C-alpha atoms as a PDB file:
ATOM      1  CA  MET A   1      -0.056  -0.100   0.104  1.00  0.00           C
ATOM      2  CA  ASN A   2       1.465   3.476  -1.042  1.00  0.00           C
ATOM      3  CA  SER A   3       0.538   6.213   1.443  1.00  0.00           C
ATOM      4  CA  THR A   4       2.074   9.106   2.972  1.00  0.00           C
ATOM      5  CA  PHE A   5       1.852  10.229   6.529  1.00  0.00           C
ATOM      6  CA  GLN A   6       1.499  13.969   7.174  1.00  0.00           C
ATOM      7  CA  ARG A   7       1.638  15.564  10.810  1.00  0.00           C
ATOM      8  CA  THR A   8       0.210  18.863  12.199  1.00  0.00           C
ATOM      9  CA  GLY A   9       2.532  20.934  14.224  1.00  0.00           C
ATOM     10  CA  VAL A  10       2.742  20.850  17.976  1.00  0.00           C
ATOM     11  CA  LEU A  11       2.238  24.004  20.072  1.00  0.00           C
ATOM     12  CA  PHE A  12       4.931  23.933  22.778  1.00  0.00           C
ATOM     13  CA  VAL A  13       4.050  26.517  25.564  1.00  0.00           C
ATOM     14  CA  LEU A  14       6.837  26.965  28.092  1.00  0.00           C
ATOM     15  CA  SER A  15       6.147  28.520  31.576  1.00  0.00           C
ATOM     16  CA  ALA A  16       8.371  29.230  34.506  1.00  0.00           C
ATOM     17  CA  PRO A  17       8.436  31.620  37.381  1.00  0.00           C
ATOM     18  CA  SER A  18      11.129  34.320  37.299  1.00  0.00           C
ATOM     19  CA  GLY A  19      14.514  32.375  38.100  1.00  0.00           C
ATOM     20  CA  GLY A  20      12.919  29.153  37.082  1.00  0.00           C
ATOM     21  CA  GLY A  21      15.242  28.527  34.193  1.00  0.00           C
ATOM     22  CA  LYS A  22      12.852  29.436  31.152  1.00  0.00           C
ATOM     23  CA  THR A  23      15.299  31.816  29.519  1.00  0.00           C
ATOM     24  CA  THR A  24      18.366  29.467  29.791  1.00  0.00           C
ATOM     25  CA  LEU A  25      16.303  26.386  28.574  1.00  0.00           C
ATOM     26  CA  CYS A  26      14.920  28.366  25.460  1.00  0.00           C
ATOM     27  CA  ALA A  27      18.586  29.334  24.506  1.00  0.00           C
ATOM     28  CA  GLY A  28      19.399  25.764  24.839  1.00  0.00           C
ATOM     29  CA  LEU A  29      16.515  24.577  22.628  1.00  0.00           C
ATOM     30  CA  ARG A  30      17.344  27.118  19.952  1.00  0.00           C
ATOM     31  CA  ALA A  31      20.947  25.705  19.724  1.00  0.00           C
ATOM     32  CA  ASN A  32      19.378  23.093  17.727  1.00  0.00           C
ATOM     33  CA  GLN A  33      16.060  24.729  16.394  1.00  0.00           C
ATOM     34  CA  ASP A  34      13.738  22.256  14.646  1.00  0.00           C
ATOM     35  CA  PHE A  35      10.855  24.251  15.564  1.00  0.00           C
ATOM     36  CA  VAL A  36       9.672  27.734  14.990  1.00  0.00           C
ATOM     37  CA  TYR A  37      10.255  30.034  17.828  1.00  0.00           C
ATOM     38  CA  SER A  38       7.109  32.583  18.091  1.00  0.00           C
ATOM     39  CA  VAL A  39       7.905  36.169  17.887  1.00  0.00           C
ATOM     40  CA  SER A  40       5.904  38.203  20.005  1.00  0.00           C
ATOM     41  CA  CYS A  41       4.236  41.564  19.281  1.00  0.00           C
ATOM     42  CA  THR A  42       5.015  44.257  21.644  1.00  0.00           C
ATOM     43  CA  THR A  43       4.276  48.103  21.830  1.00  0.00           C
ATOM     44  CA  ARG A  44       7.385  48.994  23.747  1.00  0.00           C
ATOM     45  CA  ALA A  45      10.346  50.647  21.738  1.00  0.00           C
ATOM     46  CA  PRO A  46      13.198  48.537  20.363  1.00  0.00           C
ATOM     47  CA  ARG A  47      16.404  48.264  22.552  1.00  0.00           C
ATOM     48  CA  PRO A  48      19.783  48.582  21.162  1.00  0.00           C
ATOM     49  CA  GLY A  49      20.591  45.586  18.765  1.00  0.00           C
ATOM     50  CA  GLU A  50      16.962  44.528  18.477  1.00  0.00           C
ATOM     51  CA  ARG A  51      15.583  44.062  15.074  1.00  0.00           C
ATOM     52  CA  ASP A  52      11.792  44.174  14.060  1.00  0.00           C
ATOM     53  CA  GLY A  53      10.660  40.650  13.304  1.00  0.00           C
ATOM     54  CA  GLU A  54      13.504  38.954  14.908  1.00  0.00           C
ATOM     55  CA  HIS A  55      13.215  39.819  18.476  1.00  0.00           C
ATOM     56  CA  TYR A  56       9.784  41.247  18.602  1.00  0.00           C
ATOM     57  CA  HIS A  57       7.012  42.792  16.216  1.00  0.00           C
ATOM     58  CA  PHE A  58       7.030  46.272  17.275  1.00  0.00           C
ATOM     59  CA  LEU A  59       3.722  47.937  16.948  1.00  0.00           C
ATOM     60  CA  SER A  60       2.135  51.253  18.004  1.00  0.00           C
ATOM     61  CA  GLN A  61      -0.402  51.282  20.775  1.00  0.00           C
ATOM     62  CA  GLU A  62      -3.091  52.040  18.395  1.00  0.00           C
ATOM     63  CA  GLU A  63      -2.036  49.187  15.741  1.00  0.00           C
ATOM     64  CA  PHE A  64      -1.768  46.934  18.927  1.00  0.00           C
ATOM     65  CA  THR A  65      -5.359  48.027  20.195  1.00  0.00           C
ATOM     66  CA  ARG A  66      -6.849  47.431  16.779  1.00  0.00           C
ATOM     67  CA  ARG A  67      -5.670  43.935  16.504  1.00  0.00           C
ATOM     68  CA  VAL A  68      -7.067  43.103  19.941  1.00  0.00           C
ATOM     69  CA  GLU A  69     -10.289  44.496  19.008  1.00  0.00           C
ATOM     70  CA  ALA A  70     -10.160  42.174  15.929  1.00  0.00           C
ATOM     71  CA  GLU A  71      -9.166  39.207  18.133  1.00  0.00           C
ATOM     72  CA  GLU A  72      -5.888  38.450  16.158  1.00  0.00           C
ATOM     73  CA  PHE A  73      -4.051  37.645  19.366  1.00  0.00           C
ATOM     74  CA  LEU A  74      -3.864  34.022  20.821  1.00  0.00           C
ATOM     75  CA  GLU A  75      -2.918  35.803  24.008  1.00  0.00           C
ATOM     76  CA  TYR A  76      -1.732  39.260  25.147  1.00  0.00           C
ATOM     77  CA  ALA A  77      -1.114  40.872  28.354  1.00  0.00           C
ATOM     78  CA  GLU A  78       0.087  44.205  29.515  1.00  0.00           C
ATOM     79  CA  VAL A  79       3.452  44.155  31.567  1.00  0.00           C
ATOM     80  CA  HIS A  80       4.555  47.535  33.145  1.00  0.00           C
ATOM     81  CA  GLY A  81       2.505  49.781  30.880  1.00  0.00           C
ATOM     82  CA  ARG A  82       3.460  47.938  27.682  1.00  0.00           C
ATOM     83  CA  TYR A  83       1.582  45.331  25.859  1.00  0.00           C
ATOM     84  CA  TYR A  84       2.843  41.937  24.536  1.00  0.00           C
ATOM     85  CA  GLY A  85       0.823  39.386  22.583  1.00  0.00           C
ATOM     86  CA  THR A  86       1.002  36.402  20.308  1.00  0.00           C
ATOM     87  CA  LEU A  87      -0.453  36.505  16.683  1.00  0.00           C
ATOM     88  CA  LYS A  88      -2.911  33.732  16.182  1.00  0.00           C
ATOM     89  CA  SER A  89      -2.634  33.688  12.633  1.00  0.00           C
ATOM     90  CA  THR A  90       1.197  32.949  12.560  1.00  0.00           C
ATOM     91  CA  VAL A  91       0.732  30.077  15.164  1.00  0.00           C
ATOM     92  CA  ILE A  92      -1.977  28.180  13.033  1.00  0.00           C
ATOM     93  CA  GLU A  93      -0.208  28.635   9.789  1.00  0.00           C
ATOM     94  CA  ASN A  94       2.781  27.023  11.003  1.00  0.00           C
ATOM     95  CA  LEU A  95       0.937  24.310  12.895  1.00  0.00           C
ATOM     96  CA  ARG A  96      -0.729  23.391   9.531  1.00  0.00           C
ATOM     97  CA  GLN A  97       2.150  23.206   7.683  1.00  0.00           C
ATOM     98  CA  GLY A  98       3.560  20.584   9.942  1.00  0.00           C
ATOM     99  CA  LEU A  99       5.889  23.047  11.717  1.00  0.00           C
ATOM    100  CA  ASP A 100       6.092  22.567  15.538  1.00  0.00           C
ATOM    101  CA  VAL A 101       5.889  26.070  17.488  1.00  0.00           C
ATOM    102  CA  LEU A 102       7.456  26.964  20.837  1.00  0.00           C
ATOM    103  CA  ILE A 103       6.063  30.023  22.752  1.00  0.00           C
ATOM    104  CA  ASP A 104       7.412  30.951  26.338  1.00  0.00           C
ATOM    105  CA  VAL A 105       4.541  32.905  28.247  1.00  0.00           C
ATOM    106  CA  ASP A 106       3.776  33.515  31.819  1.00  0.00           C
ATOM    107  CA  ILE A 107       1.010  31.734  33.630  1.00  0.00           C
ATOM    108  CA  ALA A 108      -1.941  34.191  32.556  1.00  0.00           C
ATOM    109  CA  GLY A 109      -0.648  33.726  28.790  1.00  0.00           C
ATOM    110  CA  ALA A 110      -0.709  29.844  29.088  1.00  0.00           C
ATOM    111  CA  ALA A 111      -4.262  30.040  30.626  1.00  0.00           C
ATOM    112  CA  SER A 112      -5.588  32.287  27.799  1.00  0.00           C
ATOM    113  CA  ILE A 113      -4.104  29.702  25.232  1.00  0.00           C
ATOM    114  CA  ARG A 114      -5.703  26.848  27.126  1.00  0.00           C
ATOM    115  CA  ALA A 115      -9.045  28.860  27.012  1.00  0.00           C
ATOM    116  CA  CYS A 116      -8.664  30.355  23.611  1.00  0.00           C
ATOM    117  CA  GLY A 117     -11.654  28.227  22.029  1.00  0.00           C
ATOM    118  CA  ASP A 118     -10.164  27.113  18.890  1.00  0.00           C
ATOM    119  CA  ARG A 119     -10.153  23.299  18.962  1.00  0.00           C
ATOM    120  CA  PHE A 120      -7.321  23.109  16.467  1.00  0.00           C
ATOM    121  CA  ILE A 121      -5.151  25.157  18.953  1.00  0.00           C
ATOM    122  CA  THR A 122      -6.288  23.094  22.046  1.00  0.00           C
ATOM    123  CA  ASP A 123      -5.485  19.674  20.071  1.00  0.00           C
ATOM    124  CA  SER A 124      -2.140  20.962  19.031  1.00  0.00           C
ATOM    125  CA  LEU A 125      -1.247  22.101  22.794  1.00  0.00           C
ATOM    126  CA  ALA A 126       1.412  20.742  24.699  1.00  0.00           C
ATOM    127  CA  ASP A 127       2.236  22.938  27.865  1.00  0.00           C
ATOM    128  CA  VAL A 128       5.091  22.516  30.255  1.00  0.00           C
ATOM    129  CA  PHE A 129       5.808  24.190  33.357  1.00  0.00           C
ATOM    130  CA  VAL A 130       9.566  24.472  34.646  1.00  0.00           C
ATOM    131  CA  MET A 131       9.730  24.131  38.199  1.00  0.00           C
ATOM    132  CA  PRO A 132      12.647  25.174  40.405  1.00  0.00           C
ATOM    133  CA  PRO A 133      13.890  22.503  42.723  1.00  0.00           C
ATOM    134  CA  SER A 134      12.903  24.421  45.748  1.00  0.00           C
ATOM    135  CA  VAL A 135      12.182  28.100  46.855  1.00  0.00           C
ATOM    136  CA  GLU A 136      15.465  28.511  48.350  1.00  0.00           C
ATOM    137  CA  GLU A 137      17.219  27.393  45.149  1.00  0.00           C
ATOM    138  CA  LEU A 138      15.021  29.931  43.295  1.00  0.00           C
ATOM    139  CA  ARG A 139      16.399  32.511  45.591  1.00  0.00           C
ATOM    140  CA  GLN A 140      19.809  31.663  45.274  1.00  0.00           C
ATOM    141  CA  ARG A 141      19.529  31.929  41.571  1.00  0.00           C
ATOM    142  CA  LEU A 142      17.925  35.237  41.560  1.00  0.00           C
ATOM    143  CA  GLU A 143      20.707  36.389  43.839  1.00  0.00           C
ATOM    144  CA  ARG A 144      23.614  35.170  41.632  1.00  0.00           C
ATOM    145  CA  ARG A 145      22.185  37.308  38.826  1.00  0.00           C
ATOM    146  CA  GLY A 146      23.347  40.322  40.886  1.00  0.00           C
ATOM    147  CA  THR A 147      20.964  42.763  39.125  1.00  0.00           C
ATOM    148  CA  GLU A 148      18.298  43.298  41.632  1.00  0.00           C
ATOM    149  CA  ALA A 149      18.237  44.539  45.051  1.00  0.00           C
ATOM    150  CA  PRO A 150      17.149  42.691  47.875  1.00  0.00           C
ATOM    151  CA  GLU A 151      13.642  44.010  48.098  1.00  0.00           C
ATOM    152  CA  GLN A 152      13.166  43.193  44.431  1.00  0.00           C
ATOM    153  CA  ILE A 153      14.320  39.708  44.845  1.00  0.00           C
ATOM    154  CA  ALA A 154      12.003  39.160  47.831  1.00  0.00           C
ATOM    155  CA  LEU A 155       9.007  40.563  45.435  1.00  0.00           C
ATOM    156  CA  ARG A 156      10.078  38.092  42.562  1.00  0.00           C
ATOM    157  CA  VAL A 157      10.164  35.090  45.056  1.00  0.00           C
ATOM    158  CA  ARG A 158       6.857  36.004  46.419  1.00  0.00           C
ATOM    159  CA  ASN A 159       5.353  36.036  43.036  1.00  0.00           C
ATOM    160  CA  ALA A 160       7.096  33.017  41.970  1.00  0.00           C
ATOM    161  CA  VAL A 161       5.872  31.026  44.907  1.00  0.00           C
ATOM    162  CA  ALA A 162       2.114  32.115  43.643  1.00  0.00           C
ATOM    163  CA  GLU A 163       3.065  30.818  40.363  1.00  0.00           C
ATOM    164  CA  MET A 164       4.528  27.787  41.291  1.00  0.00           C
ATOM    165  CA  GLU A 165       1.399  26.714  42.814  1.00  0.00           C
ATOM    166  CA  ARG A 166      -0.391  26.582  39.520  1.00  0.00           C
ATOM    167  CA  TRP A 167       1.857  23.835  38.269  1.00  0.00           C
ATOM    168  CA  TYR A 168      -0.855  21.265  38.076  1.00  0.00           C
ATOM    169  CA  GLU A 169      -2.753  23.306  35.278  1.00  0.00           C
ATOM    170  CA  TYR A 170       0.125  22.040  32.800  1.00  0.00           C
ATOM    171  CA  LYS A 171       0.458  18.778  30.952  1.00  0.00           C
ATOM    172  CA  TYR A 172       4.019  18.505  31.863  1.00  0.00           C
ATOM    173  CA  THR A 173       6.308  19.595  34.718  1.00  0.00           C
ATOM    174  CA  ILE A 174      10.002  19.699  34.565  1.00  0.00           C
ATOM    175  CA  ILE A 175      11.818  20.061  37.976  1.00  0.00           C
ATOM    176  CA  SER A 176      14.564  22.245  36.979  1.00  0.00           C
ATOM    177  CA  ARG A 177      18.053  20.920  37.485  1.00  0.00           C
ATOM    178  CA  THR A 178      21.186  21.789  35.387  1.00  0.00           C
ATOM    179  CA  PRO A 179      20.489  23.778  32.059  1.00  0.00           C
ATOM    180  CA  PRO A 180      21.711  20.374  29.877  1.00  0.00           C
ATOM    181  CA  GLU A 181      19.303  18.427  31.914  1.00  0.00           C
ATOM    182  CA  ASP A 182      16.271  20.779  31.536  1.00  0.00           C
ATOM    183  CA  VAL A 183      17.210  20.746  27.729  1.00  0.00           C
ATOM    184  CA  GLU A 184      16.983  16.982  27.749  1.00  0.00           C
ATOM    185  CA  SER A 185      14.039  16.697  29.617  1.00  0.00           C
ATOM    186  CA  PHE A 186      12.214  18.904  27.272  1.00  0.00           C
ATOM    187  CA  ARG A 187      13.333  17.343  24.270  1.00  0.00           C
ATOM    188  CA  ALA A 188      11.776  14.083  25.573  1.00  0.00           C
ATOM    189  CA  ILE A 189       8.627  15.663  25.732  1.00  0.00           C
ATOM    190  CA  MET A 190       8.990  17.033  22.153  1.00  0.00           C
ATOM    191  CA  GLN A 191       9.974  13.847  20.788  1.00  0.00           C
ATOM    192  CA  ALA A 192       6.980  11.984  22.681  1.00  0.00           C
ATOM    193  CA  GLU A 193       4.414  14.482  21.545  1.00  0.00           C
ATOM    194  CA  ARG A 194       5.469  14.227  17.837  1.00  0.00           C
ATOM    195  CA  GLN A 195       4.823  10.700  17.910  1.00  0.00           C
ATOM    196  CA  LEU A 196       1.225  10.924  19.093  1.00  0.00           C
ATOM    197  CA  THR A 197      -0.932   8.992  16.561  1.00  0.00           C
ATOM    198  CA  ARG A 198      -3.748  11.549  16.701  1.00  0.00           C
ATOM    199  CA  ARG A 199      -1.352  14.057  15.012  1.00  0.00           C
ATOM    200  CA  TYR A 200      -0.893  12.043  11.895  1.00  0.00           C
ATOM    201  CA  VAL A 201      -3.082  11.764   8.871  1.00  0.00           C
ATOM    202  CA  ASN A 202      -2.564   8.891   6.400  1.00  0.00           C
ATOM    203  CA  THR A 203      -3.085  10.106   2.763  1.00  0.00           C
ATOM    204  CA  PRO A 204      -3.318   7.666  -0.273  1.00  0.00           C
END
């Protein structure tokens, strides 16, 4: 029998509290990028070295608002007076072409994606929470950065503890260890999700 198996893409959604290892994990995954890394839209100004379409899609507040009203975002949020969002059309286009998509978002963003109401999106979804091994380890990671005052670190830890209480909402949880181990764990999830029978279509 001559037939061809075609697979739809997997939407990998990654969340972690501040200091949980998300940024390092994304960098490790992108070293061997066999997926599309979702580029978010934002209303903040570009920072030195940032390029439109590569780091972010830089939009005016008016354009961002127009897209919100047109329901073009899969998820969006306001952070420190600036808006960030993921375009639904780009994600869906890649998934339908069989390309996996990786999005890193906060707890609220992940919840919005789960509740988006689009069956194709939710069927494609594989959400992953990266959990620090302990609150104390999280605190030490933030302190090692050396970029924030003690009161800022304390605030981040309090926020992180609240976020960590929602780990059970995710399909997968990775207990963060070393960066190479975290990448290996995430890669194992990616490989398993790519083999799910329901993601394949057998065409004559």
